[in-house]
Amino acid sequence: MPTHYPSSRKAADVSGLDLCKDHQSEIIKFYCPEHEQLGCWDCIFLTHRTCKVSYIPNVAHSFTVSSEFKVIVDKVAKLEADLNTWKRKLQSDKQSVLDLNQVLLKRLQQFKEEINEYLDKQEKSLVEAMDEARKKDTDRIQRWREDIDAAKLTLAETKARLEAQDMNANHLYVTARHAEQILGDMQTLIKKVETENMVTRYKFCRDKKTEELLSWEDAIGKVIEEKEL
């Protein structure tokens, strides 16, 4: 059961507190450290009766000047820097993919000129393979960039609320607790980008048999992928 209750002599300051998403007529007034959940009176009564919960109006002021609050703010700032770093890295990777594609297409065209019209039908299949590799990489990078942009927007909104001068301690407390919940998701996103952002390395290799004997019914080369983090 809650360890703190509003005084019966003086109305508690509940300004800045949000309505409960599960009980929309009730205001969020409590925080359960054990389950790291915010809730209204109904939430506490139904699911946290055995927990030692905090009454927000009683703890908000001290929390906003505590080291715990500062740690949350610092984590938000660091996460913002990490997101910016990965956005720049993804942009660089995208350009590398496009540049590599252009270089290989040029080499393919030069080789095509050397072996003349006979190899036109083989050129089509190689161009498709290169384009498929380029599209695979650019599509993946674009998806990561969209996820990074969405995370940056959410983080910016959270940061703005944490730094807002016109918000009282209660509102800052709730905002900080919400920020804690999204920090984990964003750290997971950065970890996924770090571990799964693979740029395909590939090159065009001439077929030696075709160089020596253009009459052979054989492919003019291969597109070889070299995966790199």
Protein backbone atom coordinates (compact mmCIF):
# COMPACT_ATOMS: atom_id res chain seq x y z
CA MET A 1 0.00 0.00 0.00
CA PRO A 2 1.17 3.59 -0.52
CA THR A 3 3.54 4.89 2.12
CA HIS A 4 2.52 8.50 1.52
CA TYR A 5 -0.98 9.92 1.39
CA PRO A 6 -2.27 13.42 0.59
CA SER A 7 -3.01 15.49 3.66
CA SER A 8 -6.65 15.81 4.62
CA ARG A 9 -5.97 19.31 5.86
CA LYS A 10 -4.52 20.75 2.66
CA ALA A 11 -5.17 19.74 -0.94
CA ALA A 12 -2.14 18.15 -2.59
CA ASP A 13 -0.49 19.96 -5.50
CA VAL A 14 -1.30 17.70 -8.47
CA SER A 15 -0.66 20.25 -11.23
CA GLY A 16 1.36 18.85 -14.10
CA LEU A 17 0.25 15.28 -13.46
CA ASP A 18 -1.25 13.34 -16.35
CA LEU A 19 -4.43 11.31 -16.46
CA CYS A 20 -4.01 7.57 -16.08
CA LYS A 21 -4.12 5.72 -19.40
CA ASP A 22 -5.90 2.76 -17.79
CA HIS A 23 -8.28 4.79 -15.62
CA GLN A 24 -8.85 7.94 -17.63
CA SER A 25 -10.83 9.76 -14.96
CA GLU A 26 -8.00 9.37 -12.44
CA ILE A 27 -4.77 11.36 -12.13
CA ILE A 28 -1.38 9.65 -11.92
CA LYS A 29 -0.25 10.33 -8.36
CA PHE A 30 1.96 7.36 -7.47
CA TYR A 31 5.17 5.69 -8.62
CA CYS A 32 6.10 2.10 -7.81
CA PRO A 33 9.93 1.77 -7.70
CA GLU A 34 9.70 -2.03 -7.54
CA HIS A 35 7.90 -2.29 -10.90
CA GLU A 36 9.08 1.09 -12.26
CA GLN A 37 5.49 2.06 -13.05
CA LEU A 38 3.46 5.23 -12.68
CA GLY A 39 -0.18 4.88 -11.67
CA CYS A 40 -3.32 6.37 -10.17
CA TRP A 41 -5.02 5.28 -6.97
CA ASP A 42 -6.96 2.56 -8.82
CA CYS A 43 -3.71 1.14 -10.26
CA ILE A 44 -2.10 1.02 -6.83
CA PHE A 45 -5.14 -0.58 -5.22
CA LEU A 46 -5.55 -3.21 -7.95
CA THR A 47 -1.95 -4.22 -8.71
CA HIS A 48 0.46 -2.66 -6.22
CA ARG A 49 -1.20 -3.08 -2.84
CA THR A 50 1.80 -4.91 -1.44
CA CYS A 51 4.36 -2.51 -2.92
CA LYS A 52 6.03 0.41 -1.23
CA VAL A 53 4.98 3.20 -3.57
CA SER A 54 5.81 6.92 -3.62
CA TYR A 55 3.22 9.67 -3.55
CA ILE A 56 4.40 11.99 -6.32
CA PRO A 57 3.47 15.37 -4.79
CA ASN A 58 5.52 14.40 -1.72
CA VAL A 59 8.66 13.23 -3.56
CA ALA A 60 8.70 15.27 -6.78
CA HIS A 61 10.53 18.32 -5.42
CA SER A 62 13.38 16.36 -3.87
CA PHE A 63 13.65 14.09 -6.92
CA THR A 64 14.12 16.97 -9.39
CA VAL A 65 17.22 18.12 -7.50
CA SER A 66 18.60 14.64 -6.91
CA SER A 67 21.47 12.86 -8.64
CA GLU A 68 19.01 10.31 -10.04
CA PHE A 69 17.23 13.05 -11.99
CA LYS A 70 20.56 14.37 -13.26
CA VAL A 71 21.55 10.88 -14.43
CA ILE A 72 18.35 10.68 -16.51
CA VAL A 73 19.03 14.08 -18.08
CA ASP A 74 22.65 13.09 -18.83
CA LYS A 75 21.52 9.81 -20.41
CA VAL A 76 19.13 11.71 -22.67
CA ALA A 77 21.96 14.01 -23.78
CA LYS A 78 24.31 11.09 -24.47
CA LEU A 79 21.64 9.22 -26.38
CA GLU A 80 21.01 12.29 -28.51
CA ALA A 81 24.73 12.44 -29.35
CA ASP A 82 24.77 8.72 -30.23
CA LEU A 83 21.77 9.12 -32.53
CA ASN A 84 23.46 12.03 -34.32
CA THR A 85 26.64 9.99 -34.76
CA TRP A 86 24.78 7.07 -36.31
CA LYS A 87 22.78 9.33 -38.59
CA ARG A 88 26.04 10.70 -40.02
CA LYS A 89 27.47 7.18 -40.32
CA LEU A 90 24.40 5.94 -42.19
CA GLN A 91 24.61 8.87 -44.60
CA SER A 92 28.27 8.07 -45.27
CA ASP A 93 27.45 4.40 -45.81
CA LYS A 94 24.72 5.28 -48.28
CA GLN A 95 27.11 7.41 -50.32
CA SER A 96 29.71 4.63 -50.30
CA VAL A 97 27.14 2.19 -51.64
CA LEU A 98 26.18 4.57 -54.44
CA ASP A 99 29.82 5.35 -55.31
CA LEU A 100 30.79 1.69 -55.42
CA ASN A 101 27.84 0.93 -57.65
CA GLN A 102 28.83 3.66 -60.10
CA VAL A 103 32.46 2.48 -60.25
CA LEU A 104 31.51 -1.10 -60.95
CA LEU A 105 29.00 -0.15 -63.59
CA LYS A 106 31.69 1.85 -65.36
CA ARG A 107 34.08 -1.13 -65.31
CA LEU A 108 31.36 -3.35 -66.62
CA GLN A 109 30.69 -0.99 -69.52
CA GLN A 110 34.41 -0.85 -70.36
CA PHE A 111 34.63 -4.61 -70.44
CA LYS A 112 31.51 -4.76 -72.55
CA GLU A 113 33.15 -2.52 -75.15
CA GLU A 114 36.16 -4.85 -75.27
CA ILE A 115 34.12 -7.92 -76.04
CA ASN A 116 31.58 -6.12 -78.25
CA GLU A 117 27.98 -6.91 -78.95
CA TYR A 118 28.24 -10.60 -78.24
CA LEU A 119 28.16 -10.02 -74.48
CA ASP A 120 25.11 -7.73 -74.31
CA LYS A 121 22.83 -10.43 -73.02
CA GLN A 122 25.25 -11.20 -70.15
CA GLU A 123 25.50 -7.53 -69.19
CA LYS A 124 21.83 -7.37 -68.26
CA SER A 125 22.08 -10.07 -65.62
CA LEU A 126 25.16 -8.50 -64.03
CA VAL A 127 23.59 -5.03 -63.89
CA GLU A 128 20.55 -6.52 -62.20
CA ALA A 129 22.76 -8.23 -59.62
CA MET A 130 24.55 -4.96 -58.86
CA ASP A 131 21.34 -3.01 -58.68
CA GLU A 132 19.87 -5.61 -56.37
CA ALA A 133 22.86 -5.26 -54.01
CA ARG A 134 22.63 -1.47 -54.18
CA LYS A 135 18.89 -1.46 -53.54
CA LYS A 136 19.25 -3.89 -50.65
CA ASP A 137 21.82 -1.67 -48.97
CA THR A 138 20.15 1.68 -49.66
CA ASP A 139 16.75 0.38 -48.55
CA ARG A 140 18.20 -0.98 -45.32
CA ILE A 141 20.12 2.22 -44.62
CA GLN A 142 17.01 4.30 -45.31
CA ARG A 143 15.00 2.21 -42.86
CA TRP A 144 17.65 2.73 -40.18
CA ARG A 145 17.73 6.46 -40.90
CA GLU A 146 13.96 6.67 -40.54
CA ASP A 147 14.16 4.84 -37.21
CA ILE A 148 16.97 7.14 -36.06
CA ASP A 149 14.99 10.25 -37.11
CA ALA A 150 11.90 9.03 -35.27
CA ALA A 151 13.98 8.32 -32.16
CA LYS A 152 15.61 11.76 -32.38
CA LEU A 153 12.21 13.41 -32.56
CA THR A 154 10.96 11.54 -29.51
CA LEU A 155 14.17 12.28 -27.65
CA ALA A 156 14.03 15.98 -28.56
CA GLU A 157 10.48 16.23 -27.27
CA THR A 158 11.46 14.49 -24.04
CA LYS A 159 14.53 16.67 -23.64
CA ALA A 160 12.48 19.81 -24.17
CA ARG A 161 10.04 18.75 -21.49
CA LEU A 162 12.85 17.93 -19.08
CA GLU A 163 14.42 21.36 -19.66
CA ALA A 164 11.19 23.34 -19.69
CA GLN A 165 11.34 26.25 -17.25
CA ASP A 166 7.60 26.57 -16.80
CA MET A 167 7.02 23.00 -15.64
CA ASN A 168 6.64 22.28 -11.94
CA ALA A 169 8.36 19.47 -10.07
CA ASN A 170 5.45 17.05 -10.43
CA HIS A 171 5.42 17.41 -14.19
CA LEU A 172 9.20 17.03 -14.36
CA TYR A 173 9.00 13.92 -12.23
CA VAL A 174 6.48 12.26 -14.52
CA THR A 175 8.41 13.34 -17.63
CA ALA A 176 11.63 11.92 -16.20
CA ARG A 177 9.98 8.59 -15.43
CA HIS A 178 8.57 8.45 -18.96
CA ALA A 179 12.05 9.26 -20.27
CA GLU A 180 13.47 6.29 -18.38
CA GLN A 181 11.01 4.00 -20.14
CA ILE A 182 11.98 5.16 -23.64
CA LEU A 183 15.72 5.24 -22.99
CA GLY A 184 15.87 1.47 -23.02
CA ASP A 185 14.09 1.23 -26.37
CA MET A 186 16.43 3.79 -27.93
CA GLN A 187 19.53 2.06 -26.57
CA THR A 188 18.23 -1.16 -28.13
CA LEU A 189 17.77 0.67 -31.45
CA ILE A 190 21.35 1.96 -31.37
CA LYS A 191 22.63 -1.53 -30.54
CA LYS A 192 20.69 -2.99 -33.49
CA VAL A 193 22.09 -0.34 -35.84
CA GLU A 194 25.58 -1.00 -34.51
CA THR A 195 25.38 -4.77 -34.95
CA GLU A 196 23.10 -5.14 -37.98
CA ASN A 197 24.18 -2.23 -40.19
CA MET A 198 25.94 -4.32 -42.82
CA VAL A 199 27.22 -2.75 -46.05
CA THR A 200 27.59 -5.24 -48.89
CA ARG A 201 31.00 -5.20 -50.56
CA TYR A 202 31.05 -6.63 -54.07
CA LYS A 203 33.14 -6.39 -57.19
CA PHE A 204 32.99 -7.29 -60.84
CA CYS A 205 35.33 -10.11 -61.93
CA ARG A 206 36.03 -10.84 -65.56
CA ASP A 207 35.56 -14.35 -66.82
CA LYS A 208 38.96 -15.55 -68.08
CA LYS A 209 37.49 -18.05 -70.50
CA THR A 210 35.49 -15.33 -72.20
CA GLU A 211 38.57 -13.14 -72.49
CA GLU A 212 40.41 -15.94 -74.27
CA LEU A 213 37.59 -17.30 -76.33
CA LEU A 214 34.65 -14.98 -77.00
CA SER A 215 32.76 -17.69 -78.78
CA TRP A 216 32.12 -19.58 -75.56
CA GLU A 217 28.55 -19.60 -74.30
CA ASP A 218 29.47 -18.41 -70.83
CA ALA A 219 28.87 -15.52 -68.45
CA ILE A 220 31.21 -12.52 -68.68
CA GLY A 221 31.86 -12.45 -64.96
CA LYS A 222 30.50 -12.56 -61.46
CA VAL A 223 29.28 -10.18 -58.82
CA ILE A 224 30.98 -11.19 -55.57
CA GLU A 225 29.68 -9.90 -52.27
CA GLU A 226 32.03 -9.10 -49.41
CA LYS A 227 30.13 -8.36 -46.20
CA GLU A 228 31.59 -5.73 -43.92
CA LEU A 229 30.36 -4.13 -40.70
